[in-house]
Amino acid sequence: MAPRERTQTQRKRPGGPAGAIKRRNCFFCKDKIVEVDYKNITQLRRYISEKGKIRSRRITGACRRHQVQIAQAVKRAREMALLPYVAEGSEERSGGRRDRGDRGDRDRGDR
């Protein structure tokens, strides 16, 4: 038996030149900032979501080295009470969930 010959057709991969994503450069590398300052809260707020979570590198555009420094700076700023751990009023927004203490007397009723 003769080996099969492969056809020379190339498959197009999705996300080629037509769907190119704009590469975001690291803000700290652009300004040649060596270390992220935990006391600069206005700068750190850019890297925290509305809920208080640290945003990922994919969203912020920070490089790996500076993203680690951002996470450490946010942790330190939270410990020093410069940044909140969660968003204010987050209890009211949670909606569907409730504590076990909110059940009332219906579970303990006379049977």
PDB file of N, CA and C in Angstrom:
ATOM      1  N   MET A   1       0.820  -1.188   0.000  1.00  0.00           N
ATOM      2  CA  MET A   1       0.000   0.000   0.000  1.00  0.00           C
ATOM      3  C   MET A   1       0.860   1.246   0.000  1.00  0.00           C
ATOM      4  N   ALA A   2       0.437   2.202  -0.736  1.00  0.00           N
ATOM      5  CA  ALA A   2       1.145   3.479  -0.801  1.00  0.00           C
ATOM      6  C   ALA A   2       0.660   4.390   0.318  1.00  0.00           C
ATOM      7  N   PRO A   3       1.551   5.155   0.929  1.00  0.00           N
ATOM      8  CA  PRO A   3       1.122   6.074   1.996  1.00  0.00           C
ATOM      9  C   PRO A   3       0.244   7.184   1.426  1.00  0.00           C
ATOM     10  N   ARG A   4      -0.674   7.641   2.267  1.00  0.00           N
ATOM     11  CA  ARG A   4      -1.582   8.702   1.809  1.00  0.00           C
ATOM     12  C   ARG A   4      -0.825  10.015   1.651  1.00  0.00           C
ATOM     13  N   GLU A   5      -1.195  10.717   0.616  1.00  0.00           N
ATOM     14  CA  GLU A   5      -0.583  12.027   0.406  1.00  0.00           C
ATOM     15  C   GLU A   5      -1.446  13.074   1.093  1.00  0.00           C
ATOM     16  N   ARG A   6      -0.799  13.968   1.795  1.00  0.00           N
ATOM     17  CA  ARG A   6      -1.527  15.042   2.462  1.00  0.00           C
ATOM     18  C   ARG A   6      -1.767  16.174   1.488  1.00  0.00           C
ATOM     19  N   THR A   7      -2.941  16.714   1.572  1.00  0.00           N
ATOM     20  CA  THR A   7      -3.246  17.852   0.712  1.00  0.00           C
ATOM     21  C   THR A   7      -2.609  19.100   1.311  1.00  0.00           C
ATOM     22  N   GLN A   8      -2.239  20.014   0.488  1.00  0.00           N
ATOM     23  CA  GLN A   8      -1.539  21.209   0.931  1.00  0.00           C
ATOM     24  C   GLN A   8      -2.488  22.366   1.267  1.00  0.00           C
ATOM     25  N   THR A   9      -3.726  22.054   1.602  1.00  0.00           N
ATOM     26  CA  THR A   9      -4.647  23.137   1.969  1.00  0.00           C
ATOM     27  C   THR A   9      -4.389  23.533   3.408  1.00  0.00           C
ATOM     28  N   GLN A  10      -4.323  24.811   3.640  1.00  0.00           N
ATOM     29  CA  GLN A  10      -4.100  25.310   4.991  1.00  0.00           C
ATOM     30  C   GLN A  10      -5.430  25.741   5.585  1.00  0.00           C
ATOM     31  N   ARG A  11      -5.605  25.395   6.818  1.00  0.00           N
ATOM     32  CA  ARG A  11      -6.814  25.805   7.518  1.00  0.00           C
ATOM     33  C   ARG A  11      -6.603  27.187   8.110  1.00  0.00           C
ATOM     34  N   LYS A  12      -7.646  27.991   8.035  1.00  0.00           N
ATOM     35  CA  LYS A  12      -7.557  29.317   8.634  1.00  0.00           C
ATOM     36  C   LYS A  12      -7.958  29.231  10.095  1.00  0.00           C
ATOM     37  N   ARG A  13      -7.143  29.799  10.920  1.00  0.00           N
ATOM     38  CA  ARG A  13      -7.438  29.804  12.341  1.00  0.00           C
ATOM     39  C   ARG A  13      -8.235  31.050  12.706  1.00  0.00           C
ATOM     40  N   PRO A  14      -9.183  30.881  13.619  1.00  0.00           N
ATOM     41  CA  PRO A  14      -9.946  32.066  14.029  1.00  0.00           C
ATOM     42  C   PRO A  14      -9.070  33.040  14.814  1.00  0.00           C
ATOM     43  N   GLY A  15      -9.410  34.307  14.729  1.00  0.00           N
ATOM     44  CA  GLY A  15      -8.668  35.318  15.461  1.00  0.00           C
ATOM     45  C   GLY A  15      -7.415  35.766  14.750  1.00  0.00           C
ATOM     46  N   GLY A  16      -7.429  35.662  13.431  1.00  0.00           N
ATOM     47  CA  GLY A  16      -6.290  36.101  12.651  1.00  0.00           C
ATOM     48  C   GLY A  16      -6.231  37.622  12.572  1.00  0.00           C
ATOM     49  N   PRO A  17      -5.721  38.147  11.478  1.00  0.00           N
ATOM     50  CA  PRO A  17      -5.578  39.598  11.353  1.00  0.00           C
ATOM     51  C   PRO A  17      -6.903  40.360  11.459  1.00  0.00           C
ATOM     52  N   ALA A  18      -7.983  39.751  11.025  1.00  0.00           N
ATOM     53  CA  ALA A  18      -9.273  40.446  11.062  1.00  0.00           C
ATOM     54  C   ALA A  18      -9.746  40.645  12.503  1.00  0.00           C
ATOM     55  N   GLY A  19      -9.480  39.674  13.370  1.00  0.00           N
ATOM     56  CA  GLY A  19      -9.944  39.759  14.743  1.00  0.00           C
ATOM     57  C   GLY A  19      -8.822  40.047  15.727  1.00  0.00           C
ATOM     58  N   ALA A  20      -7.827  40.819  15.303  1.00  0.00           N
ATOM     59  CA  ALA A  20      -6.681  41.077  16.166  1.00  0.00           C
ATOM     60  C   ALA A  20      -7.103  41.924  17.368  1.00  0.00           C
ATOM     61  N   ILE A  21      -6.609  41.535  18.537  1.00  0.00           N
ATOM     62  CA  ILE A  21      -6.907  42.260  19.766  1.00  0.00           C
ATOM     63  C   ILE A  21      -5.783  43.254  20.017  1.00  0.00           C
ATOM     64  N   LYS A  22      -6.156  44.454  20.412  1.00  0.00           N
ATOM     65  CA  LYS A  22      -5.166  45.474  20.699  1.00  0.00           C
ATOM     66  C   LYS A  22      -4.385  45.082  21.950  1.00  0.00           C
ATOM     67  N   ARG A  23      -3.097  44.997  21.833  1.00  0.00           N
ATOM     68  CA  ARG A  23      -2.232  44.612  22.944  1.00  0.00           C
ATOM     69  C   ARG A  23      -2.110  45.790  23.901  1.00  0.00           C
ATOM     70  N   ARG A  24      -2.409  45.539  25.182  1.00  0.00           N
ATOM     71  CA  ARG A  24      -2.307  46.592  26.185  1.00  0.00           C
ATOM     72  C   ARG A  24      -0.944  46.492  26.846  1.00  0.00           C
ATOM     73  N   ASN A  25      -0.281  47.607  26.911  1.00  0.00           N
ATOM     74  CA  ASN A  25       1.034  47.633  27.534  1.00  0.00           C
ATOM     75  C   ASN A  25       0.901  47.948  29.015  1.00  0.00           C
ATOM     76  N   CYS A  26       1.861  47.513  29.772  1.00  0.00           N
ATOM     77  CA  CYS A  26       1.860  47.719  31.209  1.00  0.00           C
ATOM     78  C   CYS A  26       2.105  49.199  31.513  1.00  0.00           C
ATOM     79  N   PHE A  27       1.232  49.776  32.341  1.00  0.00           N
ATOM     80  CA  PHE A  27       1.337  51.180  32.717  1.00  0.00           C
ATOM     81  C   PHE A  27       2.643  51.444  33.461  1.00  0.00           C
ATOM     82  N   PHE A  28       3.038  50.535  34.329  1.00  0.00           N
ATOM     83  CA  PHE A  28       4.227  50.720  35.145  1.00  0.00           C
ATOM     84  C   PHE A  28       5.503  50.581  34.314  1.00  0.00           C
ATOM     85  N   CYS A  29       5.483  49.700  33.320  1.00  0.00           N
ATOM     86  CA  CYS A  29       6.648  49.557  32.447  1.00  0.00           C
ATOM     87  C   CYS A  29       6.805  50.784  31.546  1.00  0.00           C
ATOM     88  N   LYS A  30       5.683  51.348  31.096  1.00  0.00           N
ATOM     89  CA  LYS A  30       5.741  52.548  30.258  1.00  0.00           C
ATOM     90  C   LYS A  30       6.394  53.703  31.006  1.00  0.00           C
ATOM     91  N   ASP A  31       5.978  53.919  32.246  1.00  0.00           N
ATOM     92  CA  ASP A  31       6.496  55.031  33.045  1.00  0.00           C
ATOM     93  C   ASP A  31       7.772  54.671  33.793  1.00  0.00           C
ATOM     94  N   LYS A  32       8.291  53.461  33.564  1.00  0.00           N
ATOM     95  CA  LYS A  32       9.523  52.980  34.173  1.00  0.00           C
ATOM     96  C   LYS A  32       9.460  53.039  35.697  1.00  0.00           C
ATOM     97  N   ILE A  33       8.320  52.604  36.256  1.00  0.00           N
ATOM     98  CA  ILE A  33       8.137  52.520  37.696  1.00  0.00           C
ATOM     99  C   ILE A  33       8.620  51.146  38.133  1.00  0.00           C
ATOM    100  N   VAL A  34       9.567  51.125  39.036  1.00  0.00           N
ATOM    101  CA  VAL A  34      10.177  49.865  39.460  1.00  0.00           C
ATOM    102  C   VAL A  34       9.270  49.127  40.432  1.00  0.00           C
ATOM    103  N   GLU A  35       8.705  49.854  41.402  1.00  0.00           N
ATOM    104  CA  GLU A  35       7.913  49.219  42.435  1.00  0.00           C
ATOM    105  C   GLU A  35       6.594  49.957  42.622  1.00  0.00           C
ATOM    106  N   VAL A  36       5.508  49.193  42.834  1.00  0.00           N
ATOM    107  CA  VAL A  36       4.182  49.771  43.020  1.00  0.00           C
ATOM    108  C   VAL A  36       4.053  50.246  44.464  1.00  0.00           C
ATOM    109  N   ASP A  37       3.569  51.477  44.646  1.00  0.00           N
ATOM    110  CA  ASP A  37       3.448  52.067  45.977  1.00  0.00           C
ATOM    111  C   ASP A  37       2.070  51.762  46.547  1.00  0.00           C
ATOM    112  N   TYR A  38       2.022  51.156  47.724  1.00  0.00           N
ATOM    113  CA  TYR A  38       0.742  50.800  48.330  1.00  0.00           C
ATOM    114  C   TYR A  38       0.018  52.007  48.893  1.00  0.00           C
ATOM    115  N   LYS A  39       0.710  53.133  49.067  1.00  0.00           N
ATOM    116  CA  LYS A  39       0.083  54.336  49.616  1.00  0.00           C
ATOM    117  C   LYS A  39      -0.625  55.160  48.545  1.00  0.00           C
ATOM    118  N   ASN A  40      -0.359  54.874  47.280  1.00  0.00           N
ATOM    119  CA  ASN A  40      -0.996  55.595  46.183  1.00  0.00           C
ATOM    120  C   ASN A  40      -2.329  54.915  45.857  1.00  0.00           C
ATOM    121  N   ILE A  41      -3.361  55.316  46.574  1.00  0.00           N
ATOM    122  CA  ILE A  41      -4.652  54.630  46.487  1.00  0.00           C
ATOM    123  C   ILE A  41      -5.373  54.908  45.179  1.00  0.00           C
ATOM    124  N   THR A  42      -5.234  56.112  44.662  1.00  0.00           N
ATOM    125  CA  THR A  42      -5.904  56.436  43.392  1.00  0.00           C
ATOM    126  C   THR A  42      -5.390  55.542  42.270  1.00  0.00           C
ATOM    127  N   GLN A  43      -4.111  55.214  42.315  1.00  0.00           N
ATOM    128  CA  GLN A  43      -3.540  54.332  41.305  1.00  0.00           C
ATOM    129  C   GLN A  43      -4.002  52.892  41.509  1.00  0.00           C
ATOM    130  N   LEU A  44      -4.079  52.447  42.758  1.00  0.00           N
ATOM    131  CA  LEU A  44      -4.492  51.072  43.035  1.00  0.00           C
ATOM    132  C   LEU A  44      -5.969  50.838  42.726  1.00  0.00           C
ATOM    133  N   ARG A  45      -6.797  51.856  42.826  1.00  0.00           N
ATOM    134  CA  ARG A  45      -8.237  51.702  42.553  1.00  0.00           C
ATOM    135  C   ARG A  45      -8.504  51.285  41.116  1.00  0.00           C
ATOM    136  N   ARG A  46      -7.597  51.580  40.207  1.00  0.00           N
ATOM    137  CA  ARG A  46      -7.748  51.155  38.810  1.00  0.00           C
ATOM    138  C   ARG A  46      -7.688  49.647  38.670  1.00  0.00           C
ATOM    139  N   TYR A  47      -7.054  48.988  39.622  1.00  0.00           N
ATOM    140  CA  TYR A  47      -6.832  47.552  39.549  1.00  0.00           C
ATOM    141  C   TYR A  47      -7.761  46.764  40.463  1.00  0.00           C
ATOM    142  N   ILE A  48      -8.806  47.412  40.981  1.00  0.00           N
ATOM    143  CA  ILE A  48      -9.772  46.759  41.851  1.00  0.00           C
ATOM    144  C   ILE A  48     -11.159  46.948  41.242  1.00  0.00           C
ATOM    145  N   SER A  49     -11.969  45.877  41.239  1.00  0.00           N
ATOM    146  CA  SER A  49     -13.315  45.951  40.681  1.00  0.00           C
ATOM    147  C   SER A  49     -14.254  46.643  41.662  1.00  0.00           C
ATOM    148  N   GLU A  50     -15.492  46.845  41.241  1.00  0.00           N
ATOM    149  CA  GLU A  50     -16.494  47.499  42.084  1.00  0.00           C
ATOM    150  C   GLU A  50     -16.804  46.668  43.326  1.00  0.00           C
ATOM    151  N   LYS A  51     -16.673  45.370  43.192  1.00  0.00           N
ATOM    152  CA  LYS A  51     -16.934  44.483  44.331  1.00  0.00           C
ATOM    153  C   LYS A  51     -15.750  44.397  45.281  1.00  0.00           C
ATOM    154  N   GLY A  52     -14.601  44.894  44.871  1.00  0.00           N
ATOM    155  CA  GLY A  52     -13.424  44.861  45.720  1.00  0.00           C
ATOM    156  C   GLY A  52     -12.432  43.789  45.334  1.00  0.00           C
ATOM    157  N   LYS A  53     -12.656  43.093  44.227  1.00  0.00           N
ATOM    158  CA  LYS A  53     -11.741  42.042  43.788  1.00  0.00           C
ATOM    159  C   LYS A  53     -10.586  42.658  42.985  1.00  0.00           C
ATOM    160  N   ILE A  54      -9.428  41.996  43.060  1.00  0.00           N
ATOM    161  CA  ILE A  54      -8.279  42.435  42.275  1.00  0.00           C
ATOM    162  C   ILE A  54      -8.486  41.958  40.843  1.00  0.00           C
ATOM    163  N   ARG A  55      -8.407  42.881  39.905  1.00  0.00           N
ATOM    164  CA  ARG A  55      -8.634  42.535  38.494  1.00  0.00           C
ATOM    165  C   ARG A  55      -7.438  41.771  37.940  1.00  0.00           C
ATOM    166  N   SER A  56      -7.698  40.928  36.945  1.00  0.00           N
ATOM    167  CA  SER A  56      -6.657  40.072  36.375  1.00  0.00           C
ATOM    168  C   SER A  56      -5.777  40.846  35.397  1.00  0.00           C
ATOM    169  N   ARG A  57      -4.668  40.246  35.059  1.00  0.00           N
ATOM    170  CA  ARG A  57      -3.732  40.842  34.103  1.00  0.00           C
ATOM    171  C   ARG A  57      -4.377  41.024  32.748  1.00  0.00           C
ATOM    172  N   ARG A  58      -5.220  40.085  32.390  1.00  0.00           N
ATOM    173  CA  ARG A  58      -5.878  40.137  31.090  1.00  0.00           C
ATOM    174  C   ARG A  58      -6.710  41.397  30.954  1.00  0.00           C
ATOM    175  N   ILE A  59      -7.320  41.834  32.035  1.00  0.00           N
ATOM    176  CA  ILE A  59      -8.187  43.010  32.005  1.00  0.00           C
ATOM    177  C   ILE A  59      -7.378  44.293  32.198  1.00  0.00           C
ATOM    178  N   THR A  60      -6.433  44.292  33.135  1.00  0.00           N
ATOM    179  CA  THR A  60      -5.699  45.516  33.451  1.00  0.00           C
ATOM    180  C   THR A  60      -4.585  45.816  32.464  1.00  0.00           C
ATOM    181  N   GLY A  61      -4.021  44.784  31.853  1.00  0.00           N
ATOM    182  CA  GLY A  61      -2.930  44.990  30.911  1.00  0.00           C
ATOM    183  C   GLY A  61      -1.574  45.082  31.586  1.00  0.00           C
ATOM    184  N   ALA A  62      -1.507  44.768  32.865  1.00  0.00           N
ATOM    185  CA  ALA A  62      -0.233  44.820  33.579  1.00  0.00           C
ATOM    186  C   ALA A  62       0.607  43.589  33.248  1.00  0.00           C
ATOM    187  N   CYS A  63       1.918  43.758  33.292  1.00  0.00           N
ATOM    188  CA  CYS A  63       2.801  42.615  33.054  1.00  0.00           C
ATOM    189  C   CYS A  63       2.806  41.725  34.294  1.00  0.00           C
ATOM    190  N   ARG A  64       3.397  40.565  34.176  1.00  0.00           N
ATOM    191  CA  ARG A  64       3.373  39.592  35.268  1.00  0.00           C
ATOM    192  C   ARG A  64       4.043  40.137  36.519  1.00  0.00           C
ATOM    193  N   ARG A  65       5.200  40.750  36.356  1.00  0.00           N
ATOM    194  CA  ARG A  65       5.940  41.258  37.513  1.00  0.00           C
ATOM    195  C   ARG A  65       5.160  42.341  38.255  1.00  0.00           C
ATOM    196  N   HIS A  66       4.573  43.259  37.509  1.00  0.00           N
ATOM    197  CA  HIS A  66       3.841  44.349  38.149  1.00  0.00           C
ATOM    198  C   HIS A  66       2.486  43.889  38.684  1.00  0.00           C
ATOM    199  N   GLN A  67       1.886  42.873  38.070  1.00  0.00           N
ATOM    200  CA  GLN A  67       0.617  42.366  38.594  1.00  0.00           C
ATOM    201  C   GLN A  67       0.808  41.752  39.984  1.00  0.00           C
ATOM    202  N   VAL A  68       1.917  41.070  40.184  1.00  0.00           N
ATOM    203  CA  VAL A  68       2.226  40.513  41.503  1.00  0.00           C
ATOM    204  C   VAL A  68       2.434  41.639  42.506  1.00  0.00           C
ATOM    205  N   GLN A  69       3.122  42.686  42.088  1.00  0.00           N
ATOM    206  CA  GLN A  69       3.339  43.834  42.968  1.00  0.00           C
ATOM    207  C   GLN A  69       2.037  44.550  43.283  1.00  0.00           C
ATOM    208  N   ILE A  70       1.118  44.617  42.304  1.00  0.00           N
ATOM    209  CA  ILE A  70      -0.187  45.233  42.528  1.00  0.00           C
ATOM    210  C   ILE A  70      -0.953  44.450  43.590  1.00  0.00           C
ATOM    211  N   ALA A  71      -0.949  43.124  43.466  1.00  0.00           N
ATOM    212  CA  ALA A  71      -1.665  42.295  44.427  1.00  0.00           C
ATOM    213  C   ALA A  71      -1.091  42.474  45.830  1.00  0.00           C
ATOM    214  N   GLN A  72       0.222  42.526  45.944  1.00  0.00           N
ATOM    215  CA  GLN A  72       0.848  42.727  47.246  1.00  0.00           C
ATOM    216  C   GLN A  72       0.543  44.112  47.798  1.00  0.00           C
ATOM    217  N   ALA A  73       0.532  45.127  46.929  1.00  0.00           N
ATOM    218  CA  ALA A  73       0.243  46.489  47.372  1.00  0.00           C
ATOM    219  C   ALA A  73      -1.209  46.617  47.837  1.00  0.00           C
ATOM    220  N   VAL A  74      -2.139  45.953  47.127  1.00  0.00           N
ATOM    221  CA  VAL A  74      -3.547  45.996  47.525  1.00  0.00           C
ATOM    222  C   VAL A  74      -3.730  45.306  48.873  1.00  0.00           C
ATOM    223  N   LYS A  75      -3.074  44.168  49.061  1.00  0.00           N
ATOM    224  CA  LYS A  75      -3.157  43.467  50.348  1.00  0.00           C
ATOM    225  C   LYS A  75      -2.632  44.344  51.479  1.00  0.00           C
ATOM    226  N   ARG A  76      -1.503  44.988  51.252  1.00  0.00           N
ATOM    227  CA  ARG A  76      -0.908  45.839  52.286  1.00  0.00           C
ATOM    228  C   ARG A  76      -1.793  47.052  52.562  1.00  0.00           C
ATOM    229  N   ALA A  77      -2.363  47.645  51.514  1.00  0.00           N
ATOM    230  CA  ALA A  77      -3.234  48.804  51.700  1.00  0.00           C
ATOM    231  C   ALA A  77      -4.507  48.417  52.442  1.00  0.00           C
ATOM    232  N   ARG A  78      -4.991  47.198  52.218  1.00  0.00           N
ATOM    233  CA  ARG A  78      -6.172  46.737  52.958  1.00  0.00           C
ATOM    234  C   ARG A  78      -5.843  46.518  54.427  1.00  0.00           C
ATOM    235  N   GLU A  79      -4.679  45.978  54.707  1.00  0.00           N
ATOM    236  CA  GLU A  79      -4.280  45.769  56.097  1.00  0.00           C
ATOM    237  C   GLU A  79      -4.100  47.093  56.829  1.00  0.00           C
ATOM    238  N   MET A  80      -3.637  48.112  56.121  1.00  0.00           N
ATOM    239  CA  MET A  80      -3.442  49.423  56.722  1.00  0.00           C
ATOM    240  C   MET A  80      -4.731  50.250  56.730  1.00  0.00           C
ATOM    241  N   ALA A  81      -5.821  49.651  56.275  1.00  0.00           N
ATOM    242  CA  ALA A  81      -7.152  50.284  56.212  1.00  0.00           C
ATOM    243  C   ALA A  81      -7.185  51.464  55.256  1.00  0.00           C
ATOM    244  N   LEU A  82      -6.356  51.414  54.215  1.00  0.00           N
ATOM    245  CA  LEU A  82      -6.416  52.437  53.176  1.00  0.00           C
ATOM    246  C   LEU A  82      -7.423  52.070  52.100  1.00  0.00           C
ATOM    247  N   LEU A  83      -7.617  50.764  51.904  1.00  0.00           N
ATOM    248  CA  LEU A  83      -8.596  50.249  50.942  1.00  0.00           C
ATOM    249  C   LEU A  83      -9.542  49.302  51.661  1.00  0.00           C
ATOM    250  N   PRO A  84     -10.813  49.253  51.242  1.00  0.00           N
ATOM    251  CA  PRO A  84     -11.742  48.302  51.861  1.00  0.00           C
ATOM    252  C   PRO A  84     -11.532  46.899  51.302  1.00  0.00           C
ATOM    253  N   TYR A  85     -11.900  45.901  52.100  1.00  0.00           N
ATOM    254  CA  TYR A  85     -11.833  44.513  51.638  1.00  0.00           C
ATOM    255  C   TYR A  85     -12.966  44.204  50.672  1.00  0.00           C
ATOM    256  N   VAL A  86     -14.146  44.785  50.909  1.00  0.00           N
ATOM    257  CA  VAL A  86     -15.309  44.588  50.038  1.00  0.00           C
ATOM    258  C   VAL A  86     -15.920  45.944  49.747  1.00  0.00           C
ATOM    259  N   ALA A  87     -16.819  45.969  48.766  1.00  0.00           N
ATOM    260  CA  ALA A  87     -17.501  47.208  48.414  1.00  0.00           C
ATOM    261  C   ALA A  87     -18.486  47.589  49.513  1.00  0.00           C
ATOM    262  N   GLU A  88     -18.698  48.880  49.676  1.00  0.00           N
ATOM    263  CA  GLU A  88     -19.644  49.342  50.686  1.00  0.00           C
ATOM    264  C   GLU A  88     -21.054  48.998  50.236  1.00  0.00           C
ATOM    265  N   GLY A  89     -21.874  48.522  51.173  1.00  0.00           N
ATOM    266  CA  GLY A  89     -23.256  48.181  50.854  1.00  0.00           C
ATOM    267  C   GLY A  89     -23.393  46.896  50.076  1.00  0.00           C
ATOM    268  N   SER A  90     -22.399  46.028  50.115  1.00  0.00           N
ATOM    269  CA  SER A  90     -22.467  44.788  49.341  1.00  0.00           C
ATOM    270  C   SER A  90     -23.497  43.823  49.915  1.00  0.00           C
ATOM    271  N   GLU A  91     -23.846  43.970  51.204  1.00  0.00           N
ATOM    272  CA  GLU A  91     -24.855  43.092  51.810  1.00  0.00           C
ATOM    273  C   GLU A  91     -26.217  43.323  51.174  1.00  0.00           C
ATOM    274  N   GLU A  92     -26.530  44.569  50.888  1.00  0.00           N
ATOM    275  CA  GLU A  92     -27.836  44.906  50.336  1.00  0.00           C
ATOM    276  C   GLU A  92     -27.980  44.424  48.904  1.00  0.00           C
ATOM    277  N   ARG A  93     -26.883  44.359  48.176  1.00  0.00           N
ATOM    278  CA  ARG A  93     -26.937  43.979  46.766  1.00  0.00           C
ATOM    279  C   ARG A  93     -27.036  42.477  46.558  1.00  0.00           C
ATOM    280  N   SER A  94     -26.707  41.687  47.574  1.00  0.00           N
ATOM    281  CA  SER A  94     -26.638  40.241  47.384  1.00  0.00           C
ATOM    282  C   SER A  94     -28.006  39.618  47.119  1.00  0.00           C
ATOM    283  N   GLY A  95     -29.082  40.282  47.471  1.00  0.00           N
ATOM    284  CA  GLY A  95     -30.419  39.894  47.068  1.00  0.00           C
ATOM    285  C   GLY A  95     -30.888  38.541  47.517  1.00  0.00           C
ATOM    286  N   GLY A  96     -30.681  37.480  46.711  1.00  0.00           N
ATOM    287  CA  GLY A  96     -31.303  36.188  46.934  1.00  0.00           C
ATOM    288  C   GLY A  96     -30.831  35.419  48.150  1.00  0.00           C
ATOM    289  N   ARG A  97     -29.645  35.643  48.625  1.00  0.00           N
ATOM    290  CA  ARG A  97     -29.128  34.872  49.750  1.00  0.00           C
ATOM    291  C   ARG A  97     -29.497  35.538  51.061  1.00  0.00           C
ATOM    292  N   ARG A  98     -29.705  34.725  52.078  1.00  0.00           N
ATOM    293  CA  ARG A  98     -29.973  35.259  53.403  1.00  0.00           C
ATOM    294  C   ARG A  98     -29.336  34.356  54.444  1.00  0.00           C
ATOM    295  N   ASP A  99     -29.133  34.910  55.605  1.00  0.00           N
ATOM    296  CA  ASP A  99     -28.499  34.154  56.681  1.00  0.00           C
ATOM    297  C   ASP A  99     -29.462  33.118  57.233  1.00  0.00           C
ATOM    298  N   ARG A 100     -28.924  32.145  57.932  1.00  0.00           N
ATOM    299  CA  ARG A 100     -29.754  31.118  58.545  1.00  0.00           C
ATOM    300  C   ARG A 100     -30.621  31.698  59.657  1.00  0.00           C
ATOM    301  N   GLY A 101     -30.191  32.792  60.245  1.00  0.00           N
ATOM    302  CA  GLY A 101     -30.950  33.405  61.323  1.00  0.00           C
ATOM    303  C   GLY A 101     -32.211  34.111  60.848  1.00  0.00           C
ATOM    304  N   ASP A 102     -32.356  34.308  59.531  1.00  0.00           N
ATOM    305  CA  ASP A 102     -33.515  35.032  58.998  1.00  0.00           C
ATOM    306  C   ASP A 102     -34.718  34.128  58.754  1.00  0.00           C
ATOM    307  N   ARG A 103     -34.649  32.874  59.105  1.00  0.00           N
ATOM    308  CA  ARG A 103     -35.744  31.958  58.799  1.00  0.00           C
ATOM    309  C   ARG A 103     -36.988  32.234  59.637  1.00  0.00           C
ATOM    310  N   GLY A 104     -36.805  32.779  60.802  1.00  0.00           N
ATOM    311  CA  GLY A 104     -37.952  33.040  61.653  1.00  0.00           C
ATOM    312  C   GLY A 104     -38.308  31.829  62.464  1.00  0.00           C
ATOM    313  N   ASP A 105     -39.572  31.770  62.938  1.00  0.00           N
ATOM    314  CA  ASP A 105     -40.020  30.692  63.814  1.00  0.00           C
ATOM    315  C   ASP A 105     -40.714  29.560  63.063  1.00  0.00           C
ATOM    316  N   ARG A 106     -40.779  29.603  61.758  1.00  0.00           N
ATOM    317  CA  ARG A 106     -41.539  28.581  61.044  1.00  0.00           C
ATOM    318  C   ARG A 106     -40.894  27.204  61.138  1.00  0.00           C
ATOM    319  N   ASP A 107     -39.550  27.135  61.297  1.00  0.00           N
ATOM    320  CA  ASP A 107     -38.900  25.833  61.439  1.00  0.00           C
ATOM    321  C   ASP A 107     -39.000  25.295  62.861  1.00  0.00           C
ATOM    322  N   ARG A 108     -39.200  26.151  63.806  1.00  0.00           N
ATOM    323  CA  ARG A 108     -39.285  25.720  65.198  1.00  0.00           C
ATOM    324  C   ARG A 108     -40.716  25.659  65.695  1.00  0.00           C
ATOM    325  N   GLY A 109     -41.668  25.665  64.835  1.00  0.00           N
ATOM    326  CA  GLY A 109     -43.071  25.700  65.235  1.00  0.00           C
ATOM    327  C   GLY A 109     -43.517  24.447  65.980  1.00  0.00           C
ATOM    328  N   ASP A 110     -44.652  24.525  66.658  1.00  0.00           N
ATOM    329  CA  ASP A 110     -45.213  23.385  67.405  1.00  0.00           C
ATOM    330  C   ASP A 110     -45.722  22.335  66.416  1.00  0.00           C
ATOM    331  N   ARG A 111     -45.362  21.087  66.660  1.00  0.00           N
ATOM    332  CA  ARG A 111     -45.791  20.026  65.748  1.00  0.00           C
ATOM    333  C   ARG A 111     -46.615  19.023  66.465  1.00  0.00           C
TER     334      ARG A 111
END
